[in-house]
Amino acid sequence: MKKDNRKEQRRYDSACTVIDSAFETDSRVAVVRVDLSYREGKSSAQRINIDLNKLRLNARSKPSIFKDQIGYVIKLEKGDNDNYHAHALFTFKGHEVKNHKYKAEQIGKYWQEVITKGDGIYHNCNTKKYDKNCLGVIERSNVDDVEALKENVLGYLCKDEQSINNSDGSDKKIREFRCSMIKK
């Protein structure tokens, strides 16, 4: 998929590498997407940046949730009401994680209860049926589903709309887009 600008294309290429690497690791991949945000008035650019880093780093010490994780793609955005939110996609070994809806629920509750200490909210995207089945357990041999995942889900995550400008007075650079490192 060819993107309109170089930043979107770089994001898309990186995200596709995460997905391709997941399918190299396991022939069945559980794809989980959770939208993470905050209750009204509880978000800031610095807070979501810190909380996303905590979520990513805590994955190592929370094997009950992240044990079979292969990779992740996270896109940070700023909504209309200056509310910061993130679209997070995680890949897990599909031979180990069969209930993708429950896995998304675990991540969402962990965000809400532990990472944000009750200030966070989440939406489990795996409970909704999309036109093209892009979430859930996908077989590497199902090329149509893998391509639909890349075009529909990654295409959405890599968009440049709702970009973050540090208009809240912070001078720290906020990372809008994060991908897991690919093991060579």
Protein backbone atom coordinates (compact mmCIF):
# COMPACT_ATOMS: atom_id res chain seq x y z
CA MET A 1 0.00 0.00 0.00
CA LYS A 2 1.47 3.33 -1.05
CA LYS A 3 0.93 6.12 1.49
CA ASP A 4 0.45 9.83 0.73
CA ASN A 5 3.48 11.10 2.61
CA ARG A 6 6.88 9.83 3.69
CA LYS A 7 6.12 9.83 7.43
CA GLU A 8 3.03 7.67 6.89
CA GLN A 9 4.96 5.38 4.55
CA ARG A 10 7.79 4.93 7.09
CA ARG A 11 5.26 4.11 9.81
CA TYR A 12 3.44 1.69 7.54
CA ASP A 13 6.65 -0.07 6.49
CA SER A 14 7.74 -0.43 10.13
CA ALA A 15 4.33 -1.77 11.17
CA CYS A 16 4.32 -4.27 8.28
CA THR A 17 7.74 -5.46 9.42
CA VAL A 18 6.29 -6.14 12.89
CA ILE A 19 3.45 -8.19 11.33
CA ASP A 20 5.77 -10.06 8.94
CA SER A 21 8.09 -10.86 11.85
CA ALA A 22 5.15 -12.17 13.88
CA PHE A 23 4.23 -14.59 11.10
CA GLU A 24 7.86 -15.70 10.85
CA THR A 25 7.75 -16.48 14.59
CA ASP A 26 4.47 -18.42 14.52
CA SER A 27 2.26 -19.66 11.68
CA ARG A 28 -0.80 -18.58 13.70
CA VAL A 29 -0.82 -15.07 15.14
CA ALA A 30 -3.37 -13.66 17.57
CA VAL A 31 -3.86 -10.00 16.64
CA VAL A 32 -5.26 -7.88 19.47
CA ARG A 33 -6.21 -4.20 19.27
CA VAL A 34 -7.08 -2.02 22.23
CA ASP A 35 -7.78 1.71 22.19
CA LEU A 36 -6.39 3.33 25.33
CA SER A 37 -7.41 6.70 26.74
CA TYR A 38 -8.33 8.55 29.93
CA ARG A 39 -11.37 9.82 31.75
CA GLU A 40 -12.13 13.44 30.89
CA GLY A 41 -9.57 15.89 32.24
CA LYS A 42 -7.07 13.19 33.23
CA SER A 43 -4.80 13.14 30.17
CA SER A 44 -1.77 15.11 29.12
CA ALA A 45 0.92 14.56 26.53
CA GLN A 46 3.50 13.76 29.18
CA ARG A 47 1.20 11.43 31.12
CA ILE A 48 0.24 9.25 28.17
CA ASN A 49 3.87 9.12 27.08
CA ILE A 50 4.92 7.92 30.55
CA ASP A 51 1.99 5.49 30.82
CA LEU A 52 2.64 3.95 27.40
CA ASN A 53 6.29 3.47 28.32
CA LYS A 54 5.18 1.79 31.57
CA LEU A 55 2.81 -0.49 29.66
CA ARG A 56 5.53 -1.46 27.22
CA LEU A 57 8.19 -2.01 29.89
CA ASN A 58 5.87 -3.78 32.34
CA ALA A 59 5.10 -6.35 29.65
CA ARG A 60 8.31 -8.11 30.67
CA SER A 61 7.20 -8.47 34.29
CA LYS A 62 3.55 -9.37 33.64
CA PRO A 63 3.71 -12.88 32.13
CA SER A 64 0.04 -13.60 32.88
CA ILE A 65 -0.85 -11.09 30.16
CA PHE A 66 2.19 -10.65 27.91
CA LYS A 67 3.95 -14.03 28.10
CA ASP A 68 3.32 -15.00 24.46
CA GLN A 69 3.58 -11.52 22.96
CA ILE A 70 5.56 -11.26 19.74
CA GLY A 71 5.32 -7.54 18.96
CA TYR A 72 3.34 -4.32 19.11
CA VAL A 73 2.45 -1.18 17.16
CA ILE A 74 1.16 1.86 19.07
CA LYS A 75 -0.08 5.15 17.57
CA LEU A 76 -0.60 8.10 19.90
CA GLU A 77 -3.15 10.75 18.94
CA LYS A 78 -4.79 13.89 20.28
CA GLY A 79 -8.56 14.09 19.92
CA ASP A 80 -10.90 17.05 19.51
CA ASN A 81 -11.20 17.76 23.25
CA ASP A 82 -7.41 17.74 23.74
CA ASN A 83 -7.82 14.21 25.09
CA TYR A 84 -4.82 12.04 24.33
CA HIS A 85 -5.44 8.45 23.32
CA ALA A 86 -3.56 5.55 21.75
CA HIS A 87 -4.45 2.83 19.28
CA ALA A 88 -2.46 -0.24 20.33
CA LEU A 89 -2.04 -3.44 18.34
CA PHE A 90 -0.35 -6.46 19.90
CA THR A 91 0.64 -9.73 18.28
CA PHE A 92 0.78 -12.98 20.23
CA LYS A 93 1.68 -16.57 19.41
CA GLY A 94 -1.59 -17.90 18.02
CA HIS A 95 -0.88 -21.46 19.09
CA GLU A 96 -0.77 -20.24 22.70
CA VAL A 97 -3.36 -17.42 22.72
CA LYS A 98 -6.65 -18.71 21.39
CA ASN A 99 -9.07 -16.28 23.07
CA HIS A 100 -8.06 -12.95 21.55
CA LYS A 101 -11.10 -11.12 22.96
CA TYR A 102 -10.11 -12.08 26.49
CA LYS A 103 -6.47 -11.10 25.84
CA ALA A 104 -7.60 -7.62 24.71
CA GLU A 105 -9.77 -7.37 27.83
CA GLN A 106 -6.77 -8.29 30.04
CA ILE A 107 -4.64 -5.57 28.45
CA GLY A 108 -7.44 -3.00 28.77
CA LYS A 109 -8.05 -3.77 32.43
CA TYR A 110 -4.33 -3.68 33.14
CA TRP A 111 -4.17 -0.23 31.52
CA GLN A 112 -7.20 0.96 33.47
CA GLU A 113 -6.44 -0.48 36.91
CA VAL A 114 -2.64 -0.72 37.16
CA ILE A 115 -0.99 1.63 34.68
CA THR A 116 -3.36 4.62 35.06
CA LYS A 117 -4.59 3.77 38.59
CA GLY A 118 -8.25 4.17 37.63
CA ASP A 119 -7.90 7.24 35.40
CA GLY A 120 -7.71 5.22 32.19
CA ILE A 121 -10.41 3.79 29.97
CA TYR A 122 -10.18 1.40 27.05
CA HIS A 123 -12.08 -0.07 24.15
CA ASN A 124 -11.64 -3.73 23.23
CA CYS A 125 -11.64 -3.66 19.43
CA ASN A 126 -11.60 -7.47 19.25
CA THR A 127 -15.23 -7.68 20.36
CA LYS A 128 -16.45 -5.94 17.19
CA LYS A 129 -16.76 -7.79 13.88
CA TYR A 130 -15.21 -5.76 11.07
CA ASP A 131 -16.09 -6.06 7.38
CA LYS A 132 -12.76 -7.72 6.70
CA ASN A 133 -11.69 -10.07 9.46
CA CYS A 134 -8.47 -8.33 10.49
CA LEU A 135 -8.32 -9.08 14.21
CA GLY A 136 -8.20 -12.35 16.10
CA VAL A 137 -6.24 -15.46 15.25
CA ILE A 138 -4.92 -15.34 11.68
CA GLU A 139 -3.16 -18.16 9.85
CA ARG A 140 0.02 -17.25 7.96
CA SER A 141 -1.33 -19.19 4.95
CA ASN A 142 -4.44 -16.97 4.78
CA VAL A 143 -2.89 -14.29 2.56
CA ASP A 144 -6.19 -12.38 2.22
CA ASP A 145 -6.53 -11.90 5.98
CA VAL A 146 -2.88 -10.92 6.37
CA GLU A 147 -3.22 -8.34 3.59
CA ALA A 148 -6.52 -7.06 5.05
CA LEU A 149 -4.78 -6.66 8.42
CA LYS A 150 -2.01 -4.64 6.81
CA GLU A 151 -4.22 -2.48 4.63
CA ASN A 152 -7.15 -1.86 6.98
CA VAL A 153 -5.73 -1.94 10.49
CA LEU A 154 -2.13 -0.85 9.91
CA GLY A 155 -3.28 1.68 7.33
CA TYR A 156 -5.50 3.25 10.00
CA LEU A 157 -2.81 3.15 12.70
CA CYS A 158 -0.23 4.81 10.45
CA LYS A 159 -2.34 7.76 9.36
CA ASP A 160 -1.02 11.25 10.02
CA GLU A 161 -4.34 12.76 11.13
CA GLN A 162 -4.74 13.87 14.75
CA SER A 163 -1.01 14.42 15.03
CA ILE A 164 0.32 15.79 18.26
CA ASN A 165 1.61 19.31 18.59
CA ASN A 166 3.03 20.10 22.01
CA SER A 167 0.67 23.03 22.50
CA ASP A 168 0.32 22.27 26.22
CA GLY A 169 3.61 24.03 26.97
CA SER A 170 5.68 20.88 27.27
CA ASP A 171 8.98 20.91 25.50
CA LYS A 172 9.53 17.16 25.59
CA LYS A 173 9.34 15.29 22.36
CA ILE A 174 6.36 12.99 22.37
CA ARG A 175 6.68 9.79 20.39
CA GLU A 176 3.54 9.47 18.28
CA PHE A 177 4.40 6.09 16.83
CA ARG A 178 6.05 3.08 18.50
CA CYS A 179 6.88 -0.37 17.18
CA SER A 180 8.55 -3.29 18.84
CA MET A 181 12.10 -4.10 17.89
CA ILE A 182 12.48 -6.92 15.40
CA LYS A 183 14.76 -9.74 16.49
CA LYS A 184 17.27 -10.67 13.84
